[in-house]
Amino acid sequence: MNLYEKFNSKLYNPRDIEGNPNSEMFRAVDIVYETLTGDDDFVAVEPFGSTMKGYSNKDSDFDIRILVDVKNKMDFKDNDDNDEMVTRGSEVYHRTEKIKNKAIKALEDEGFDSEKLHILIFTVSKKANVARIENGLNEDESDARVVGAWFKIFKGERINDFRDSAIAELRKLSEPERLRQTRLMVVALSESELLSFNKIKQRAGNDQDYDNLLECRIQMWKNRILGFID
């Protein structure tokens, strides 16, 4: 099975470029989860990048995304003055940096190379995502990708609560509108994935034609998201 077939068979393929299971990524996720569980701001942790797509090599980073609940701290209003916005933005920054540094230290303590740790913090808000759906997702790919990202594979006790708020809002929509918004989400997720294929070709010397892969990825993401909604 070549890399194209592997990537075309399921949403995630946690292997290195030689096809060997990459268990270290899951160990890293477990460490972050165990370290941050109990923190009021922590929602979930997600592995991503080349390891999860099946083309990592010995030089690849450990790509980890941590979701943090900002508790509406960044939901600014038109009448908020600049000082208020700076204060609240600074508070969120320091809270997220504290979580990131805590995760990095825990991984370093377990023997992970700090130079290979690529940890991203994503601030999430149930209120903001519900509003995106309520207002009607449009062709703005970023909004569709943000909402769709909640249906990825995460490890965290609070992720279902956040996901369920989006599902409840989607279920309020008419079927045509629900399918329209779902389509926008899955296309946004799938198109962002295709950016990885130049790396796959470079690392594997693979000249496989990926032209029909977008629709395959769209169908897989559609099945996953509708599986939650239906």
Protein backbone atom coordinates (compact mmCIF):
# COMPACT_ATOMS: atom_id res chain seq x y z
CA MET A 1 0.00 0.00 0.00
CA ASN A 2 1.57 3.32 -1.05
CA LEU A 3 1.27 6.58 0.88
CA TYR A 4 -1.66 7.74 -1.22
CA GLU A 5 -3.62 4.58 -0.44
CA LYS A 6 -2.80 4.85 3.25
CA PHE A 7 -3.95 8.45 3.44
CA ASN A 8 -7.02 7.64 1.39
CA SER A 9 -8.11 4.81 3.69
CA LYS A 10 -8.81 6.67 6.95
CA LEU A 11 -8.74 10.07 8.56
CA TYR A 12 -5.55 9.45 10.50
CA ASN A 13 -2.58 7.20 9.84
CA PRO A 14 -0.23 7.45 12.84
CA ARG A 15 2.89 6.02 11.24
CA ASP A 16 6.32 7.14 10.21
CA ILE A 17 7.32 7.33 6.57
CA GLU A 18 8.48 3.70 6.66
CA GLY A 19 5.02 2.59 7.78
CA ASN A 20 5.98 1.83 11.39
CA PRO A 21 3.58 2.77 14.23
CA ASN A 22 4.59 5.98 15.97
CA SER A 23 3.66 5.27 19.59
CA GLU A 24 5.79 8.13 20.94
CA MET A 25 3.22 10.64 19.73
CA PHE A 26 0.50 8.96 21.76
CA ARG A 27 2.79 8.83 24.80
CA ALA A 28 3.31 12.59 24.42
CA VAL A 29 -0.44 13.18 24.20
CA ASP A 30 -1.03 11.07 27.32
CA ILE A 31 1.59 13.06 29.23
CA VAL A 32 0.02 16.39 28.25
CA TYR A 33 -3.46 15.10 29.09
CA GLU A 34 -2.41 13.78 32.51
CA THR A 35 -0.48 16.97 33.27
CA LEU A 36 -3.23 19.42 32.36
CA THR A 37 -6.36 17.55 33.41
CA GLY A 38 -7.78 19.42 36.38
CA ASP A 39 -6.68 22.82 35.10
CA ASP A 40 -9.79 25.00 34.80
CA ASP A 41 -8.73 26.31 31.39
CA PHE A 42 -7.76 22.98 29.78
CA VAL A 43 -10.26 21.47 27.31
CA ALA A 44 -8.39 18.87 25.25
CA VAL A 45 -5.19 17.89 23.48
CA GLU A 46 -4.85 16.87 19.82
CA PRO A 47 -1.95 15.25 17.98
CA PHE A 48 -1.51 16.54 14.43
CA GLY A 49 1.06 16.96 11.69
CA SER A 50 3.23 14.47 9.84
CA THR A 51 3.10 11.79 12.54
CA MET A 52 -0.68 11.57 12.31
CA LYS A 53 -0.60 11.61 8.51
CA GLY A 54 1.91 8.82 8.10
CA TYR A 55 4.98 10.61 6.73
CA SER A 56 7.05 11.57 9.77
CA ASN A 57 10.79 10.86 9.81
CA LYS A 58 13.51 10.98 12.45
CA ASP A 59 13.72 14.77 12.18
CA SER A 60 9.99 15.41 12.52
CA ASP A 61 8.55 17.50 15.34
CA PHE A 62 5.98 16.31 17.86
CA ASP A 63 3.03 18.46 16.76
CA ILE A 64 0.53 18.91 19.58
CA ARG A 65 -2.43 21.27 19.77
CA ILE A 66 -3.87 22.21 23.18
CA LEU A 67 -7.39 23.64 23.40
CA VAL A 68 -7.93 26.22 26.11
CA ASP A 69 -11.25 27.69 27.27
CA VAL A 70 -10.99 31.48 27.32
CA LYS A 71 -14.32 31.80 29.15
CA ASN A 72 -15.47 34.66 26.93
CA LYS A 73 -12.44 36.77 27.89
CA MET A 74 -11.84 37.56 24.23
CA ASP A 75 -15.49 38.30 23.35
CA PHE A 76 -14.96 42.04 23.05
CA LYS A 77 -17.87 44.45 22.72
CA ASP A 78 -18.01 47.58 20.61
CA ASN A 79 -17.99 49.80 23.71
CA ASP A 80 -14.90 48.17 25.25
CA ASP A 81 -12.08 50.68 25.50
CA ASN A 82 -8.52 49.92 24.42
CA ASP A 83 -7.20 49.57 27.97
CA GLU A 84 -9.85 46.97 28.78
CA MET A 85 -9.07 44.96 25.65
CA VAL A 86 -5.32 45.08 26.33
CA THR A 87 -5.83 43.97 29.94
CA ARG A 88 -8.08 41.08 29.02
CA GLY A 89 -5.88 40.05 26.09
CA SER A 90 -2.81 40.11 28.33
CA GLU A 91 -4.57 37.94 30.92
CA VAL A 92 -5.47 35.33 28.28
CA TYR A 93 -1.91 35.37 26.93
CA HIS A 94 -0.36 34.73 30.33
CA ARG A 95 -2.85 31.97 31.13
CA THR A 96 -2.20 30.18 27.84
CA GLU A 97 1.59 30.57 28.12
CA LYS A 98 1.43 29.05 31.60
CA ILE A 99 -0.40 26.01 30.24
CA LYS A 100 2.00 25.66 27.30
CA ASN A 101 5.08 25.86 29.53
CA LYS A 102 3.59 23.35 31.96
CA ALA A 103 3.05 20.87 29.10
CA ILE A 104 6.57 21.41 27.72
CA LYS A 105 8.18 20.86 31.13
CA ALA A 106 6.22 17.64 31.65
CA LEU A 107 7.35 16.33 28.27
CA GLU A 108 10.96 17.33 28.87
CA ASP A 109 10.86 15.57 32.25
CA GLU A 110 9.82 12.40 30.40
CA GLY A 111 12.76 12.62 28.01
CA PHE A 112 11.30 14.46 25.01
CA ASP A 113 13.66 16.78 23.12
CA SER A 114 12.47 20.36 23.62
CA GLU A 115 13.82 21.25 20.16
CA LYS A 116 11.30 18.86 18.60
CA LEU A 117 8.27 19.96 20.60
CA HIS A 118 5.87 22.00 18.49
CA ILE A 119 2.99 22.91 20.79
CA LEU A 120 0.21 25.22 19.66
CA ILE A 121 -2.39 26.74 21.95
CA PHE A 122 -5.87 27.29 20.51
CA THR A 123 -8.31 29.37 22.55
CA VAL A 124 -11.88 28.14 22.17
CA SER A 125 -15.26 29.59 23.05
CA LYS A 126 -18.58 27.76 22.94
CA LYS A 127 -20.38 31.08 22.61
CA ALA A 128 -18.33 32.14 19.59
CA ASN A 129 -18.75 28.88 17.71
CA VAL A 130 -22.49 28.70 18.39
CA ALA A 131 -22.76 32.26 17.05
CA ARG A 132 -20.89 31.26 13.87
CA ILE A 133 -23.43 28.51 13.18
CA GLU A 134 -26.39 30.62 14.21
CA ASN A 135 -25.31 33.43 11.88
CA GLY A 136 -24.83 30.92 9.05
CA LEU A 137 -21.40 29.78 7.94
CA ASN A 138 -20.48 31.32 4.61
CA GLU A 139 -17.63 31.01 2.18
CA ASP A 140 -15.22 32.39 4.77
CA GLU A 141 -13.08 29.28 5.06
CA SER A 142 -11.61 30.22 8.43
CA ASP A 143 -14.96 30.17 10.25
CA ALA A 144 -15.91 26.84 8.69
CA ARG A 145 -12.53 25.36 9.58
CA VAL A 146 -12.77 26.61 13.20
CA VAL A 147 -16.18 25.02 13.74
CA GLY A 148 -15.26 21.85 11.86
CA ALA A 149 -12.10 21.44 13.92
CA TRP A 150 -14.20 20.57 16.98
CA PHE A 151 -14.98 17.24 15.30
CA LYS A 152 -11.36 16.14 15.10
CA ILE A 153 -9.92 13.47 17.41
CA PHE A 154 -9.07 14.92 20.81
CA LYS A 155 -8.22 13.64 24.27
CA GLY A 156 -9.93 15.61 27.00
CA GLU A 157 -12.83 15.26 29.38
CA ARG A 158 -14.40 18.59 28.40
CA ILE A 159 -14.28 18.31 24.60
CA ASN A 160 -17.67 16.61 24.35
CA ASP A 161 -19.31 19.51 26.17
CA PHE A 162 -17.88 21.96 23.64
CA ARG A 163 -18.68 19.68 20.71
CA ASP A 164 -22.24 19.11 21.93
CA SER A 165 -22.94 22.85 21.97
CA ALA A 166 -22.12 23.02 18.25
CA ILE A 167 -24.12 19.86 17.52
CA ALA A 168 -27.17 21.24 19.32
CA GLU A 169 -27.01 24.41 17.21
CA LEU A 170 -26.59 22.46 13.97
CA ARG A 171 -29.62 20.31 14.82
CA LYS A 172 -31.76 23.44 15.05
CA LEU A 173 -31.12 24.16 11.37
CA SER A 174 -33.22 22.92 8.49
CA GLU A 175 -31.76 19.84 6.83
CA PRO A 176 -30.64 21.72 3.68
CA GLU A 177 -28.93 24.41 5.79
CA ARG A 178 -27.34 21.83 8.09
CA LEU A 179 -25.93 19.96 5.08
CA ARG A 180 -24.73 23.23 3.53
CA GLN A 181 -22.82 24.21 6.66
CA THR A 182 -21.47 20.68 7.07
CA ARG A 183 -20.20 20.78 3.48
CA LEU A 184 -18.38 24.05 4.16
CA MET A 185 -16.75 22.56 7.25
CA VAL A 186 -15.57 19.37 5.58
CA VAL A 187 -14.23 21.19 2.52
CA ALA A 188 -12.29 23.62 4.74
CA LEU A 189 -10.79 20.75 6.76
CA SER A 190 -9.96 18.71 3.68
CA GLU A 191 -8.38 21.56 1.74
CA SER A 192 -6.13 22.42 4.68
CA GLU A 193 -4.98 18.78 4.76
CA LEU A 194 -3.94 18.80 1.14
CA LEU A 195 -1.22 21.32 1.93
CA SER A 196 0.69 18.37 3.40
CA PHE A 197 1.05 16.49 0.16
CA ASN A 198 4.04 18.39 -1.14
CA LYS A 199 5.88 17.19 1.96
CA ILE A 200 4.74 13.63 1.34
CA LYS A 201 6.03 13.77 -2.22
CA GLN A 202 9.34 15.29 -1.18
CA ARG A 203 10.01 12.81 1.60
CA ALA A 204 8.84 9.71 -0.21
CA GLY A 205 9.87 10.58 -3.76
CA ASN A 206 6.26 9.88 -4.59
CA ASP A 207 4.89 11.08 -7.93
CA GLN A 208 1.39 9.74 -7.23
CA ASP A 209 -1.46 11.82 -8.68
CA TYR A 210 -3.49 13.32 -5.83
CA ASP A 211 -6.08 15.07 -7.96
CA ASN A 212 -9.05 13.04 -6.74
CA LEU A 213 -8.01 12.99 -3.09
CA LEU A 214 -9.96 16.09 -2.06
CA GLU A 215 -13.35 14.47 -2.65
CA CYS A 216 -12.21 11.33 -0.82
CA ARG A 217 -11.18 13.39 2.21
CA ILE A 218 -14.39 15.40 2.04
CA GLN A 219 -16.46 12.21 2.17
CA MET A 220 -14.55 10.88 5.18
CA TRP A 221 -14.88 14.13 7.12
CA LYS A 222 -18.55 14.36 6.16
CA ASN A 223 -19.19 10.87 7.50
CA ARG A 224 -17.46 11.75 10.77
CA ILE A 225 -19.28 15.03 11.37
CA LEU A 226 -22.71 13.71 10.39
CA GLY A 227 -22.04 10.72 12.62
CA PHE A 228 -22.04 13.11 15.58
CA ILE A 229 -25.08 15.10 14.42
CA ASP A 230 -27.43 12.33 13.33
